[in-house]
C-alpha atoms as a PDB file:
ATOM      1  CA  MET A   1       0.000   0.000   0.000  1.00  0.00           C
ATOM      2  CA  ILE A   2       1.398   3.455  -0.999  1.00  0.00           C
ATOM      3  CA  SER A   3       2.019   5.783   1.875  1.00  0.00           C
ATOM      4  CA  GLU A   4       0.808   9.387   1.893  1.00  0.00           C
ATOM      5  CA  LYS A   5       4.383  10.630   1.573  1.00  0.00           C
ATOM      6  CA  GLU A   6       5.069   8.433  -1.503  1.00  0.00           C
ATOM      7  CA  LEU A   7       1.790   9.573  -3.115  1.00  0.00           C
ATOM      8  CA  LYS A   8       2.765  13.202  -2.610  1.00  0.00           C
ATOM      9  CA  VAL A   9       6.103  12.622  -4.345  1.00  0.00           C
ATOM     10  CA  ILE A  10       4.384  10.954  -7.329  1.00  0.00           C
ATOM     11  CA  VAL A  11       1.900  13.842  -7.712  1.00  0.00           C
ATOM     12  CA  GLU A  12       4.729  16.391  -7.588  1.00  0.00           C
ATOM     13  CA  GLN A  13       6.640  14.501 -10.305  1.00  0.00           C
ATOM     14  CA  VAL A  14       3.577  14.325 -12.568  1.00  0.00           C
ATOM     15  CA  LEU A  15       2.834  18.042 -12.142  1.00  0.00           C
ATOM     16  CA  SER A  16       6.463  18.894 -12.842  1.00  0.00           C
ATOM     17  CA  GLU A  17       6.454  16.861 -16.053  1.00  0.00           C
ATOM     18  CA  MET A  18       3.179  18.463 -17.173  1.00  0.00           C
ATOM     19  CA  ASN A  19       4.521  21.978 -16.593  1.00  0.00           C
ATOM     20  CA  ASN A  20       7.717  21.245 -18.519  1.00  0.00           C
ATOM     21  CA  LYS A  21       5.709  19.795 -21.393  1.00  0.00           C
ATOM     22  CA  ASP A  22       3.352  22.804 -21.529  1.00  0.00           C
ATOM     23  CA  PHE A  23       6.296  25.216 -21.521  1.00  0.00           C
ATOM     24  CA  ALA A  24       8.047  23.355 -24.341  1.00  0.00           C
ATOM     25  CA  GLU A  25       4.874  23.307 -26.462  1.00  0.00           C
ATOM     26  CA  SER A  26       4.142  26.998 -25.875  1.00  0.00           C
ATOM     27  CA  LYS A  27       7.720  27.887 -26.793  1.00  0.00           C
ATOM     28  CA  LYS A  28       7.423  25.763 -29.916  1.00  0.00           C
ATOM     29  CA  ASP A  29       4.133  27.449 -30.890  1.00  0.00           C
ATOM     30  CA  THR A  30       5.341  30.997 -30.409  1.00  0.00           C
ATOM     31  CA  GLY A  31       8.815  30.471 -31.766  1.00  0.00           C
ATOM     32  CA  LYS A  32      10.055  33.159 -29.389  1.00  0.00           C
ATOM     33  CA  SER A  33      11.976  32.948 -26.152  1.00  0.00           C
ATOM     34  CA  GLN A  34      11.417  35.348 -23.242  1.00  0.00           C
ATOM     35  CA  SER A  35      14.485  37.310 -24.329  1.00  0.00           C
ATOM     36  CA  ASP A  36      12.887  37.755 -27.770  1.00  0.00           C
ATOM     37  CA  VAL A  37       9.742  39.179 -26.158  1.00  0.00           C
ATOM     38  CA  ASP A  38      11.771  41.561 -24.008  1.00  0.00           C
ATOM     39  CA  HIS A  39      13.400  43.043 -27.119  1.00  0.00           C
ATOM     40  CA  ILE A  40      10.359  43.728 -29.305  1.00  0.00           C
ATOM     41  CA  ASP A  41      10.949  46.769 -31.479  1.00  0.00           C
ATOM     42  CA  ASP A  42       8.534  49.664 -30.880  1.00  0.00           C
ATOM     43  CA  ASN A  43       7.632  49.583 -34.566  1.00  0.00           C
ATOM     44  CA  GLU A  44       6.086  46.135 -34.066  1.00  0.00           C
ATOM     45  CA  LEU A  45       3.526  47.523 -31.589  1.00  0.00           C
ATOM     46  CA  SER A  46       0.376  49.284 -32.782  1.00  0.00           C
ATOM     47  CA  ASP A  47      -0.677  52.582 -31.185  1.00  0.00           C
ATOM     48  CA  ILE A  48      -3.736  51.710 -29.134  1.00  0.00           C
ATOM     49  CA  THR A  49      -4.813  55.376 -28.962  1.00  0.00           C
ATOM     50  CA  MET A  50      -5.357  55.408 -32.738  1.00  0.00           C
ATOM     51  CA  VAL A  51      -8.359  53.078 -32.409  1.00  0.00           C
ATOM     52  CA  ASP A  52     -11.647  54.985 -32.739  1.00  0.00           C
ATOM     53  CA  MET A  53     -13.616  53.874 -29.672  1.00  0.00           C
ATOM     54  CA  ARG A  54     -16.843  55.134 -31.236  1.00  0.00           C
ATOM     55  CA  LYS A  55     -16.570  52.334 -33.791  1.00  0.00           C
ATOM     56  CA  GLN A  56     -15.154  49.718 -31.448  1.00  0.00           C
ATOM     57  CA  LEU A  57     -17.469  46.850 -30.486  1.00  0.00           C
ATOM     58  CA  LEU A  58     -16.344  45.540 -27.091  1.00  0.00           C
ATOM     59  CA  VAL A  59     -19.500  43.853 -25.802  1.00  0.00           C
ATOM     60  CA  PRO A  60     -19.601  40.210 -26.970  1.00  0.00           C
ATOM     61  CA  ASN A  61     -22.787  39.203 -28.780  1.00  0.00           C
ATOM     62  CA  PRO A  62     -24.824  42.366 -28.120  1.00  0.00           C
ATOM     63  CA  GLU A  63     -28.573  41.945 -28.461  1.00  0.00           C
ATOM     64  CA  ASN A  64     -28.883  45.031 -30.661  1.00  0.00           C
ATOM     65  CA  ARG A  65     -25.606  45.647 -32.441  1.00  0.00           C
ATOM     66  CA  GLU A  66     -26.799  48.545 -34.618  1.00  0.00           C
ATOM     67  CA  ASP A  67     -28.329  50.581 -31.779  1.00  0.00           C
ATOM     68  CA  TYR A  68     -25.253  49.932 -29.660  1.00  0.00           C
ATOM     69  CA  LEU A  69     -22.930  51.306 -32.345  1.00  0.00           C
ATOM     70  CA  GLN A  70     -25.244  54.282 -33.008  1.00  0.00           C
ATOM     71  CA  MET A  71     -25.118  55.177 -29.325  1.00  0.00           C
ATOM     72  CA  LYS A  72     -21.297  54.923 -29.253  1.00  0.00           C
ATOM     73  CA  ALA A  73     -21.041  57.083 -32.381  1.00  0.00           C
ATOM     74  CA  LYS A  74     -22.614  60.011 -30.525  1.00  0.00           C
ATOM     75  CA  THR A  75     -20.220  60.126 -27.576  1.00  0.00           C
ATOM     76  CA  SER A  76     -16.539  59.759 -26.764  1.00  0.00           C
ATOM     77  CA  ALA A  77     -17.468  58.232 -23.389  1.00  0.00           C
ATOM     78  CA  ARG A  78     -16.436  54.663 -22.636  1.00  0.00           C
ATOM     79  CA  VAL A  79     -19.794  53.020 -23.317  1.00  0.00           C
ATOM     80  CA  GLY A  80     -20.027  49.228 -23.166  1.00  0.00           C
ATOM     81  CA  VAL A  81     -16.462  48.173 -22.306  1.00  0.00           C
ATOM     82  CA  TRP A  82     -17.321  44.734 -20.899  1.00  0.00           C
ATOM     83  CA  ARG A  83     -15.422  42.937 -18.172  1.00  0.00           C
ATOM     84  CA  ALA A  84     -13.514  39.864 -16.995  1.00  0.00           C
ATOM     85  CA  GLY A  85     -15.222  38.998 -13.733  1.00  0.00           C
ATOM     86  CA  PRO A  86     -15.343  42.218 -11.679  1.00  0.00           C
ATOM     87  CA  ARG A  87     -12.440  43.780 -13.580  1.00  0.00           C
ATOM     88  CA  TYR A  88     -11.978  45.658 -16.845  1.00  0.00           C
ATOM     89  CA  LYS A  89     -10.633  43.596 -19.717  1.00  0.00           C
ATOM     90  CA  THR A  90      -6.970  44.063 -20.635  1.00  0.00           C
ATOM     91  CA  GLU A  91      -7.637  46.094 -23.789  1.00  0.00           C
ATOM     92  CA  THR A  92      -9.881  48.523 -21.911  1.00  0.00           C
ATOM     93  CA  LEU A  93      -7.356  48.955 -19.091  1.00  0.00           C
ATOM     94  CA  LEU A  94      -4.467  49.546 -21.510  1.00  0.00           C
ATOM     95  CA  ARG A  95      -6.502  52.137 -23.432  1.00  0.00           C
ATOM     96  CA  PHE A  96      -7.371  53.911 -20.180  1.00  0.00           C
ATOM     97  CA  ARG A  97      -3.699  54.069 -19.183  1.00  0.00           C
ATOM     98  CA  ALA A  98      -2.653  55.217 -22.658  1.00  0.00           C
ATOM     99  CA  ASP A  99      -5.245  58.027 -22.708  1.00  0.00           C
ATOM    100  CA  HIS A 100      -4.201  59.045 -19.200  1.00  0.00           C
ATOM    101  CA  ALA A 101      -0.592  59.258 -20.407  1.00  0.00           C
ATOM    102  CA  VAL A 102      -1.693  61.520 -23.280  1.00  0.00           C
ATOM    103  CA  ALA A 103      -3.436  63.805 -20.784  1.00  0.00           C
ATOM    104  CA  MET A 104      -0.349  63.919 -18.557  1.00  0.00           C
ATOM    105  CA  ASP A 105       1.860  64.815 -21.523  1.00  0.00           C
ATOM    106  CA  ALA A 106      -0.552  67.586 -22.528  1.00  0.00           C
ATOM    107  CA  VAL A 107      -0.272  69.165 -19.073  1.00  0.00           C
ATOM    108  CA  PHE A 108       3.443  68.778 -18.406  1.00  0.00           C
ATOM    109  CA  THR A 109       5.013  69.549 -21.797  1.00  0.00           C
ATOM    110  CA  ASP A 110       5.652  73.050 -23.163  1.00  0.00           C
ATOM    111  CA  VAL A 111       4.520  74.559 -26.457  1.00  0.00           C
ATOM    112  CA  SER A 112       7.448  74.267 -28.854  1.00  0.00           C
ATOM    113  CA  GLU A 113       9.407  77.425 -29.619  1.00  0.00           C
ATOM    114  CA  GLU A 114       9.270  76.512 -33.313  1.00  0.00           C
ATOM    115  CA  ILE A 115       5.470  76.810 -33.468  1.00  0.00           C
ATOM    116  CA  ILE A 116       5.491  80.107 -31.565  1.00  0.00           C
ATOM    117  CA  ALA A 117       8.060  81.497 -34.017  1.00  0.00           C
ATOM    118  CA  GLU A 118       6.168  80.054 -37.005  1.00  0.00           C
ATOM    119  CA  MET A 119       3.020  81.920 -35.946  1.00  0.00           C
ATOM    120  CA  ASN A 120       5.063  85.128 -35.518  1.00  0.00           C
ATOM    121  CA  LEU A 121       4.242  85.462 -31.815  1.00  0.00           C
ATOM    122  CA  PHE A 122       6.453  87.029 -29.173  1.00  0.00           C
ATOM    123  CA  THR A 123       6.336  85.553 -25.662  1.00  0.00           C
ATOM    124  CA  VAL A 124       5.635  86.940 -22.219  1.00  0.00           C
ATOM    125  CA  LYS A 125       5.520  84.891 -19.014  1.00  0.00           C
ATOM    126  CA  THR A 126       3.317  85.118 -15.960  1.00  0.00           C
ATOM    127  CA  LYS A 127       4.766  85.186 -12.448  1.00  0.00           C
ATOM    128  CA  CYS A 128       5.023  81.368 -12.417  1.00  0.00           C
ATOM    129  CA  LYS A 129       8.642  80.208 -12.464  1.00  0.00           C
ATOM    130  CA  ASP A 130       7.966  76.739 -13.869  1.00  0.00           C
ATOM    131  CA  LYS A 131       5.230  74.232 -14.654  1.00  0.00           C
ATOM    132  CA  ASP A 132       5.036  72.904 -11.088  1.00  0.00           C
ATOM    133  CA  GLU A 133       4.386  76.377  -9.697  1.00  0.00           C
ATOM    134  CA  TYR A 134       1.866  77.005 -12.457  1.00  0.00           C
ATOM    135  CA  LEU A 135      -0.124  73.932 -11.391  1.00  0.00           C
ATOM    136  CA  THR A 136       0.025  74.667  -7.667  1.00  0.00           C
ATOM    137  CA  ARG A 137      -0.353  78.479  -7.730  1.00  0.00           C
ATOM    138  CA  PRO A 138      -3.220  79.458 -10.058  1.00  0.00           C
ATOM    139  CA  ASP A 139      -3.065  83.016  -8.703  1.00  0.00           C
ATOM    140  CA  LEU A 140       0.415  83.538 -10.161  1.00  0.00           C
ATOM    141  CA  GLY A 141      -0.803  82.440 -13.593  1.00  0.00           C
ATOM    142  CA  ARG A 142      -3.005  85.559 -13.684  1.00  0.00           C
ATOM    143  CA  LYS A 143      -0.270  88.102 -12.959  1.00  0.00           C
ATOM    144  CA  PHE A 144       2.805  89.533 -14.682  1.00  0.00           C
ATOM    145  CA  ASP A 145       6.018  91.129 -13.448  1.00  0.00           C
ATOM    146  CA  ASP A 146       6.663  94.734 -14.472  1.00  0.00           C
ATOM    147  CA  GLU A 147       9.272  93.582 -17.003  1.00  0.00           C
ATOM    148  CA  GLU A 148       6.689  91.467 -18.836  1.00  0.00           C
ATOM    149  CA  VAL A 149       4.162  94.314 -18.857  1.00  0.00           C
ATOM    150  CA  ALA A 150       6.856  96.550 -20.351  1.00  0.00           C
ATOM    151  CA  ILE A 151       7.362  94.034 -23.171  1.00  0.00           C
ATOM    152  CA  MET A 152       3.633  94.134 -23.972  1.00  0.00           C
ATOM    153  CA  LYS A 153       3.647  97.934 -24.079  1.00  0.00           C
ATOM    154  CA  GLU A 154       6.733  97.965 -26.282  1.00  0.00           C
ATOM    155  CA  LYS A 155       5.654  95.368 -28.852  1.00  0.00           C
ATOM    156  CA  CYS A 156       1.854  95.696 -28.996  1.00  0.00           C
ATOM    157  CA  LYS A 157      -0.291  98.177 -30.880  1.00  0.00           C
ATOM    158  CA  MET A 158      -2.156 100.215 -28.309  1.00  0.00           C
ATOM    159  CA  ASN A 159      -5.952 100.588 -28.233  1.00  0.00           C
ATOM    160  CA  PRO A 160      -6.846  98.009 -30.920  1.00  0.00           C
ATOM    161  CA  GLN A 161     -10.420  96.954 -31.489  1.00  0.00           C
ATOM    162  CA  VAL A 162      -9.491  93.307 -30.889  1.00  0.00           C
ATOM    163  CA  GLN A 163      -6.456  91.908 -29.080  1.00  0.00           C
ATOM    164  CA  VAL A 164      -5.854  88.193 -29.712  1.00  0.00           C
ATOM    165  CA  ILE A 165      -3.540  86.256 -27.391  1.00  0.00           C
ATOM    166  CA  VAL A 166      -2.570  82.600 -27.046  1.00  0.00           C
ATOM    167  CA  ALA A 167      -1.774  80.804 -23.780  1.00  0.00           C
ATOM    168  CA  ASP A 168      -0.602  77.284 -23.061  1.00  0.00           C
ATOM    169  CA  GLY A 169      -3.090  76.800 -20.204  1.00  0.00           C
ATOM    170  CA  LEU A 170      -3.446  73.203 -19.086  1.00  0.00           C
ATOM    171  CA  SER A 171      -2.782  71.644 -22.493  1.00  0.00           C
ATOM    172  CA  SER A 172       0.205  72.620 -24.601  1.00  0.00           C
ATOM    173  CA  THR A 173      -0.850  69.809 -26.954  1.00  0.00           C
ATOM    174  CA  ALA A 174      -4.086  71.684 -27.704  1.00  0.00           C
ATOM    175  CA  VAL A 175      -2.185  74.803 -28.732  1.00  0.00           C
ATOM    176  CA  GLU A 176       0.150  72.874 -31.022  1.00  0.00           C
ATOM    177  CA  ALA A 177      -2.745  70.908 -32.578  1.00  0.00           C
ATOM    178  CA  ASN A 178      -5.006  73.894 -33.355  1.00  0.00           C
ATOM    179  CA  ILE A 179      -3.117  77.177 -33.528  1.00  0.00           C
ATOM    180  CA  ARG A 180      -1.919  76.839 -37.129  1.00  0.00           C
ATOM    181  CA  ASP A 181      -5.509  76.563 -38.356  1.00  0.00           C
ATOM    182  CA  ILE A 182      -7.490  78.799 -36.013  1.00  0.00           C
ATOM    183  CA  LEU A 183      -5.299  81.905 -35.788  1.00  0.00           C
ATOM    184  CA  PRO A 184      -5.132  82.741 -39.540  1.00  0.00           C
ATOM    185  CA  VAL A 185      -8.894  82.223 -39.902  1.00  0.00           C
ATOM    186  CA  ILE A 186      -9.668  84.627 -37.051  1.00  0.00           C
ATOM    187  CA  PHE A 187      -7.512  87.374 -38.540  1.00  0.00           C
ATOM    188  CA  GLN A 188      -8.897  86.739 -42.017  1.00  0.00           C
ATOM    189  CA  GLY A 189     -12.415  87.096 -40.610  1.00  0.00           C
ATOM    190  CA  LEU A 190     -11.539  90.307 -38.753  1.00  0.00           C
ATOM    191  CA  GLU A 191     -10.037  91.765 -41.929  1.00  0.00           C
ATOM    192  CA  GLY A 192     -13.188  90.863 -43.846  1.00  0.00           C
ATOM    193  CA  TYR A 193     -15.307  92.710 -41.247  1.00  0.00           C
ATOM    194  CA  GLY A 194     -12.993  95.724 -41.361  1.00  0.00           C
ATOM    195  CA  ILE A 195     -11.968  95.280 -37.719  1.00  0.00           C
ATOM    196  CA  LYS A 196      -8.539  96.457 -36.595  1.00  0.00           C
ATOM    197  CA  ALA A 197      -6.606  93.793 -34.704  1.00  0.00           C
ATOM    198  CA  GLY A 198      -3.746  94.280 -32.287  1.00  0.00           C
ATOM    199  CA  THR A 199      -0.420  92.430 -32.131  1.00  0.00           C
ATOM    200  CA  PRO A 200      -0.938  88.758 -31.207  1.00  0.00           C
ATOM    201  CA  PHE A 201       1.437  87.150 -28.710  1.00  0.00           C
ATOM    202  CA  PHE A 202       1.924  84.071 -26.543  1.00  0.00           C
ATOM    203  CA  ILE A 203       1.584  83.822 -22.750  1.00  0.00           C
ATOM    204  CA  LYS A 204       3.596  81.091 -21.042  1.00  0.00           C
ATOM    205  CA  TYR A 205       2.022  79.603 -17.892  1.00  0.00           C
ATOM    206  CA  GLY A 206      -1.133  81.642 -18.493  1.00  0.00           C
ATOM    207  CA  ARG A 207      -4.496  81.246 -16.748  1.00  0.00           C
ATOM    208  CA  VAL A 208      -7.722  82.663 -18.208  1.00  0.00           C
ATOM    209  CA  PRO A 209      -7.766  85.874 -16.071  1.00  0.00           C
ATOM    210  CA  SER A 210      -4.335  86.818 -17.461  1.00  0.00           C
ATOM    211  CA  MET A 211      -6.297  88.189 -20.426  1.00  0.00           C
ATOM    212  CA  ASP A 212      -7.747  90.897 -18.173  1.00  0.00           C
ATOM    213  CA  VAL A 213      -4.284  92.278 -17.475  1.00  0.00           C
ATOM    214  CA  VAL A 214      -3.627  92.343 -21.226  1.00  0.00           C
ATOM    215  CA  SER A 215      -6.919  94.174 -21.763  1.00  0.00           C
ATOM    216  CA  GLU A 216      -5.942  96.922 -19.324  1.00  0.00           C
ATOM    217  CA  VAL A 217      -2.362  97.196 -20.628  1.00  0.00           C
ATOM    218  CA  THR A 218      -3.264  97.403 -24.335  1.00  0.00           C
ATOM    219  CA  GLY A 219      -6.540  99.297 -23.975  1.00  0.00           C
ATOM    220  CA  ALA A 220      -8.239  96.865 -26.359  1.00  0.00           C
ATOM    221  CA  ASP A 221     -12.002  97.035 -26.853  1.00  0.00           C
ATOM    222  CA  ILE A 222     -12.131  93.228 -26.936  1.00  0.00           C
ATOM    223  CA  THR A 223      -9.636  90.666 -25.675  1.00  0.00           C
ATOM    224  CA  CYS A 224      -9.718  87.114 -27.094  1.00  0.00           C
ATOM    225  CA  LEU A 225      -7.674  84.411 -25.376  1.00  0.00           C
ATOM    226  CA  LEU A 226      -7.044  81.071 -27.120  1.00  0.00           C
ATOM    227  CA  VAL A 227      -6.019  78.602 -24.420  1.00  0.00           C
ATOM    228  CA  GLY A 228      -5.430  74.888 -23.967  1.00  0.00           C
ATOM    229  CA  GLU A 229      -8.098  73.326 -21.774  1.00  0.00           C
ATOM    230  CA  ARG A 230      -7.692  70.730 -19.019  1.00  0.00           C
ATOM    231  CA  PRO A 231      -7.321  67.418 -20.904  1.00  0.00           C
ATOM    232  CA  GLY A 232      -9.572  64.458 -20.261  1.00  0.00           C
ATOM    233  CA  LEU A 233      -9.466  60.816 -21.280  1.00  0.00           C
ATOM    234  CA  ALA A 234     -11.334  61.583 -24.521  1.00  0.00           C
ATOM    235  CA  THR A 235      -8.792  64.066 -25.882  1.00  0.00           C
ATOM    236  CA  GLY A 236      -5.760  66.082 -24.844  1.00  0.00           C
ATOM    237  CA  GLU A 237      -6.138  68.549 -27.743  1.00  0.00           C
ATOM    238  CA  SER A 238      -9.148  70.632 -26.710  1.00  0.00           C
ATOM    239  CA  MET A 239      -8.796  74.408 -26.958  1.00  0.00           C
ATOM    240  CA  SER A 240     -11.195  77.171 -25.892  1.00  0.00           C
ATOM    241  CA  ALA A 241     -11.571  80.850 -26.721  1.00  0.00           C
ATOM    242  CA  TYR A 242     -12.404  83.209 -23.833  1.00  0.00           C
ATOM    243  CA  ILE A 243     -13.601  86.595 -25.067  1.00  0.00           C
ATOM    244  CA  ALA A 244     -14.461  89.744 -23.116  1.00  0.00           C
ATOM    245  CA  TYR A 245     -15.531  93.281 -23.999  1.00  0.00           C
ATOM    246  CA  LYS A 246     -13.611  95.953 -22.053  1.00  0.00           C
ATOM    247  CA  GLY A 247     -12.104  93.354 -19.729  1.00  0.00           C
ATOM    248  CA  THR A 248     -10.817  94.476 -16.329  1.00  0.00           C
ATOM    249  CA  VAL A 249      -8.850  92.705 -13.603  1.00  0.00           C
ATOM    250  CA  GLY A 250     -11.202  91.131 -11.072  1.00  0.00           C
ATOM    251  CA  MET A 251     -14.289  91.276 -13.286  1.00  0.00           C
ATOM    252  CA  PRO A 252     -16.988  88.568 -12.853  1.00  0.00           C
ATOM    253  CA  GLU A 253     -16.710  85.475 -15.023  1.00  0.00           C
ATOM    254  CA  ALA A 254     -20.220  86.144 -16.354  1.00  0.00           C
ATOM    255  CA  ARG A 255     -18.711  88.854 -18.565  1.00  0.00           C
ATOM    256  CA  ARG A 256     -16.778  86.293 -20.603  1.00  0.00           C
ATOM    257  CA  THR A 257     -18.079  84.579 -23.737  1.00  0.00           C
ATOM    258  CA  VAL A 258     -16.613  81.117 -24.303  1.00  0.00           C
ATOM    259  CA  VAL A 259     -16.217  78.972 -27.402  1.00  0.00           C
ATOM    260  CA  SER A 260     -15.105  75.547 -26.201  1.00  0.00           C
ATOM    261  CA  ASN A 261     -14.432  72.016 -27.426  1.00  0.00           C
ATOM    262  CA  ILE A 262     -12.186  73.132 -30.293  1.00  0.00           C
ATOM    263  CA  HIS A 263     -10.414  70.010 -31.554  1.00  0.00           C
ATOM    264  CA  GLN A 264     -10.595  67.366 -34.253  1.00  0.00           C
ATOM    265  CA  GLY A 265     -13.366  65.394 -32.603  1.00  0.00           C
ATOM    266  CA  GLY A 266     -15.349  68.499 -31.592  1.00  0.00           C
ATOM    267  CA  THR A 267     -15.548  71.829 -33.406  1.00  0.00           C
ATOM    268  CA  ALA A 268     -12.837  71.957 -36.060  1.00  0.00           C
ATOM    269  CA  ALA A 269     -10.302  74.759 -35.606  1.00  0.00           C
ATOM    270  CA  VAL A 270     -11.100  76.354 -38.979  1.00  0.00           C
ATOM    271  CA  GLU A 271     -14.836  76.386 -38.273  1.00  0.00           C
ATOM    272  CA  ALA A 272     -14.240  77.720 -34.752  1.00  0.00           C
ATOM    273  CA  GLY A 273     -12.031  80.516 -36.098  1.00  0.00           C
ATOM    274  CA  ALA A 274     -14.796  81.773 -38.416  1.00  0.00           C
ATOM    275  CA  HIS A 275     -17.354  81.567 -35.596  1.00  0.00           C
ATOM    276  CA  ILE A 276     -15.074  83.502 -33.227  1.00  0.00           C
ATOM    277  CA  ALA A 277     -14.581  86.268 -35.814  1.00  0.00           C
ATOM    278  CA  HIS A 278     -18.381  86.595 -36.067  1.00  0.00           C
ATOM    279  CA  ILE A 279     -18.695  86.800 -32.268  1.00  0.00           C
ATOM    280  CA  LEU A 280     -16.037  89.515 -32.139  1.00  0.00           C
ATOM    281  CA  LYS A 281     -18.003  91.587 -34.662  1.00  0.00           C
ATOM    282  CA  GLU A 282     -21.222  91.160 -32.650  1.00  0.00           C
ATOM    283  CA  MET A 283     -19.432  92.256 -29.474  1.00  0.00           C
ATOM    284  CA  LEU A 284     -18.208  95.432 -31.128  1.00  0.00           C
ATOM    285  CA  ASP A 285     -21.678  96.150 -32.485  1.00  0.00           C
ATOM    286  CA  GLN A 286     -23.453  95.486 -29.178  1.00  0.00           C
ATOM    287  CA  LYS A 287     -20.605  96.666 -26.918  1.00  0.00           C
ATOM    288  CA  LYS A 288     -21.301  93.711 -24.660  1.00  0.00           C
ATOM    289  CA  SER A 289     -19.955  90.221 -23.835  1.00  0.00           C
ATOM    290  CA  GLY A 290     -20.842  87.279 -21.635  1.00  0.00           C
ATOM    291  CA  LEU A 291     -24.425  86.914 -20.464  1.00  0.00           C
ATOM    292  CA  GLU A 292     -25.405  90.319 -21.845  1.00  0.00           C
ATOM    293  CA  LEU A 293     -24.367  89.448 -25.425  1.00  0.00           C
ATOM    294  CA  GLN A 294     -27.187  88.390 -27.752  1.00  0.00           C
ATOM    295  CA  LEU A 295     -26.083  85.864 -30.381  1.00  0.00           C
END
């Protein structure tokens, strides 16, 4: 009769042989060793963020496939991602982490000097010393040192009808993705309406209320700030335009008119530029902005 100890040894031997066999077969099937997997070239990996989630069917065997896809087509939200037990499936988790990385890059990178020069913009900086201070001290992103104010006075046309400025905000990616298309269209529209524009420039580490300082310094009738918005998991390229008639430091937010969601998957930059030019004309005609403006 086999003892319990001898039976345990036999079971361990069988399990060991099975594991070795499975490993050999899996290695034979894949044709790759672990070292091969560790040295996969980046070019062999597809970019998961390039998949259009609005067209992606993740629920297995949906009861109404067409309605499901129609619903997904109308939103960038993560609708119907399915699960493995109580957890997200691997593809969904990887996409979440990839989109989060895009958002982090949008916040922590700077707008390239090449694009600023290409758009013929000079640069002024708020009182923030670096990106970390910009994120932790919103109040400093609204203010300028005297030296920066002097640069504005030196390089800008005074008392224009419209002063357009660009700021990195919370998404430098948004500025780089949209500025080439939106800025020329705005100025083309203003020229078509016979509106005199001031000298455009770029604000580094700028918050929305920084535009009010610019308004007071330049004496502009209208100030229009194009700024990168806080990125989400749907896109890191969303820009907004904040526009105010006779802006002043400390004014209520209700005096601002906002055009938001400017990006490839929202309002296209070219279309937004034409719309903004129309709003600027209406503001000059009505001498109002924000809640008082009738559009």
